[in-house]
Amino acid sequence: MQAHARWFVIMVGLVFLSGCKGAVIAPVKGKVTCNGKPVKAASLTFSPVPSSELDREPGKPGTGFSDGDGNYVLSTYKPLDGALVGQHEVTISLDDTNPARCKRRTVVTREVKAGSNEVNIELMGGERGEVPPHRNE
């Protein structure tokens, strides 16, 4: 009888633990532009911002690449599922072969809200290969 009670307690504990800190994902899409023109092949990383100094693991980043029209859709756990809800440090990177005449690396802060999100990002114009300082909007 004690063995059954022990298994029951373990199973109830597992049910409660599985509901703790569940990741909330929301769809995220948008467009990357520079001087109003679409930027293709931009790499985007939406990294969750820690909720406090003690938060060592704020969550898995969402990633994506812009297509020929500058459009992107983020993926985190599954293809095209979006990003975690909350504040994100967003890094947009262009490799040296990208013809866009804008900064090679830009960092901004954006919020992902519950529900569908459209996050359009305008990159600053600049000489090719130039790396701007860290900036938040």
Protein backbone atom coordinates (compact mmCIF):
# COMPACT_ATOMS: atom_id res chain seq x y z
CA MET A 1 0.00 0.00 0.00
CA GLN A 2 2.85 2.40 0.80
CA ALA A 3 4.34 1.81 -2.66
CA HIS A 4 1.05 2.93 -4.27
CA ALA A 5 0.93 6.05 -2.12
CA ARG A 6 4.54 6.88 -2.97
CA TRP A 7 3.86 6.53 -6.74
CA PHE A 8 0.76 8.67 -6.38
CA VAL A 9 2.74 11.46 -4.68
CA ILE A 10 5.47 11.25 -7.34
CA MET A 11 2.95 11.42 -10.19
CA VAL A 12 1.11 14.39 -8.65
CA GLY A 13 4.45 16.16 -8.17
CA LEU A 14 5.39 15.59 -11.81
CA VAL A 15 2.08 17.01 -12.98
CA PHE A 16 2.60 20.18 -10.94
CA LEU A 17 6.23 20.56 -12.01
CA SER A 18 5.38 20.20 -15.69
CA GLY A 19 3.09 23.23 -15.43
CA CYS A 20 5.73 25.48 -13.87
CA LYS A 21 7.52 28.04 -15.98
CA GLY A 22 5.94 27.00 -19.25
CA ALA A 23 7.38 28.88 -22.21
CA VAL A 24 4.85 31.10 -23.96
CA ILE A 25 5.64 31.44 -27.66
CA ALA A 26 4.05 34.01 -29.97
CA PRO A 27 4.35 34.22 -33.76
CA VAL A 28 6.81 36.90 -34.95
CA LYS A 29 7.30 38.12 -38.49
CA GLY A 30 8.51 41.36 -40.00
CA LYS A 31 10.62 43.12 -42.57
CA VAL A 32 14.23 44.32 -42.49
CA THR A 33 14.93 47.50 -44.48
CA CYS A 34 17.78 49.96 -44.97
CA ASN A 35 16.96 53.43 -46.31
CA GLY A 36 13.48 52.08 -47.03
CA LYS A 37 14.75 49.24 -49.24
CA PRO A 38 14.41 45.53 -48.33
CA VAL A 39 17.52 43.81 -46.96
CA LYS A 40 17.93 40.19 -48.02
CA ALA A 41 19.89 37.52 -46.14
CA ALA A 42 19.91 39.36 -42.81
CA SER A 43 20.37 37.10 -39.78
CA LEU A 44 18.07 37.96 -36.86
CA THR A 45 18.40 36.72 -33.28
CA PHE A 46 15.77 37.64 -30.65
CA SER A 47 17.47 36.94 -27.29
CA PRO A 48 15.16 37.13 -24.24
CA VAL A 49 16.22 39.81 -21.75
CA PRO A 50 16.69 38.49 -18.18
CA SER A 51 13.88 39.51 -15.80
CA SER A 52 16.42 40.20 -13.04
CA GLU A 53 20.14 39.98 -12.27
CA LEU A 54 19.51 36.51 -10.85
CA ASP A 55 17.87 35.26 -14.06
CA ARG A 56 20.75 33.29 -15.61
CA GLU A 57 18.62 31.51 -18.22
CA PRO A 58 15.98 33.89 -19.63
CA GLY A 59 15.06 31.49 -22.42
CA LYS A 60 15.99 30.18 -25.83
CA PRO A 61 16.56 32.81 -28.55
CA GLY A 62 14.33 32.95 -31.62
CA THR A 63 16.13 33.13 -34.97
CA GLY A 64 15.40 33.84 -38.60
CA PHE A 65 16.74 35.07 -41.94
CA SER A 66 15.24 37.65 -44.24
CA ASP A 67 14.24 36.60 -47.75
CA GLY A 68 14.77 38.53 -50.99
CA ASP A 69 11.99 40.98 -50.06
CA GLY A 70 13.40 41.56 -46.54
CA ASN A 71 10.66 39.48 -44.87
CA TYR A 72 11.44 37.09 -42.01
CA VAL A 73 9.62 34.69 -39.67
CA LEU A 74 11.19 33.58 -36.38
CA SER A 75 11.70 30.04 -35.12
CA THR A 76 12.53 29.00 -31.56
CA TYR A 77 11.53 25.40 -30.78
CA LYS A 78 9.87 24.44 -34.06
CA PRO A 79 10.09 25.93 -37.56
CA LEU A 80 8.23 29.26 -37.79
CA ASP A 81 6.76 29.03 -34.26
CA GLY A 82 7.88 32.54 -33.21
CA ALA A 83 9.68 33.75 -30.08
CA LEU A 84 9.20 33.78 -26.33
CA VAL A 85 6.85 36.49 -25.05
CA GLY A 86 8.73 39.35 -23.37
CA GLN A 87 11.55 41.85 -23.94
CA HIS A 88 14.31 40.85 -26.37
CA GLU A 89 17.70 42.11 -27.38
CA VAL A 90 17.51 41.80 -31.16
CA THR A 91 20.74 41.39 -33.14
CA ILE A 92 20.61 41.88 -36.90
CA SER A 93 23.75 40.81 -38.76
CA LEU A 94 24.79 41.02 -42.39
CA ASP A 95 27.77 39.12 -43.75
CA ASP A 96 30.43 40.90 -45.78
CA THR A 97 29.01 39.62 -49.08
CA ASN A 98 25.63 41.30 -48.49
CA PRO A 99 25.21 44.17 -51.00
CA ALA A 100 23.08 46.31 -48.65
CA ARG A 101 24.73 49.64 -47.85
CA CYS A 102 24.00 49.61 -44.14
CA LYS A 103 25.61 48.67 -40.87
CA ARG A 104 26.83 45.08 -40.70
CA ARG A 105 25.57 44.62 -37.12
CA THR A 106 22.74 46.36 -35.29
CA VAL A 107 21.34 45.67 -31.83
CA VAL A 108 17.94 46.96 -30.70
CA THR A 109 15.43 46.10 -27.97
CA ARG A 110 11.94 44.95 -28.95
CA GLU A 111 9.01 43.39 -27.11
CA VAL A 112 7.20 40.24 -28.21
CA LYS A 113 3.61 40.26 -26.98
CA ALA A 114 1.07 37.45 -26.72
CA GLY A 115 -0.68 36.97 -30.06
CA SER A 116 0.71 37.72 -33.52
CA ASN A 117 3.60 40.19 -33.74
CA GLU A 118 4.92 42.21 -36.67
CA VAL A 119 8.36 43.62 -35.87
CA ASN A 120 9.77 45.71 -38.72
CA ILE A 121 13.37 46.84 -38.38
CA GLU A 122 15.01 49.74 -40.22
CA LEU A 123 18.79 49.45 -40.31
CA MET A 124 20.95 52.54 -40.28
CA GLY A 125 22.70 53.39 -43.54
CA GLY A 126 26.48 53.39 -43.50
CA GLU A 127 29.55 52.18 -45.25
CA ARG A 128 29.69 48.47 -45.97
CA GLY A 129 31.64 46.58 -43.35
CA GLU A 130 31.19 49.27 -40.70
CA VAL A 131 30.30 47.93 -37.26
CA PRO A 132 28.17 50.33 -35.20
CA PRO A 133 28.29 50.63 -31.42
CA HIS A 134 25.65 48.82 -29.35
CA ARG A 135 22.40 50.75 -29.39
CA ASN A 136 18.95 50.21 -27.96
CA GLU A 137 15.74 51.80 -29.11
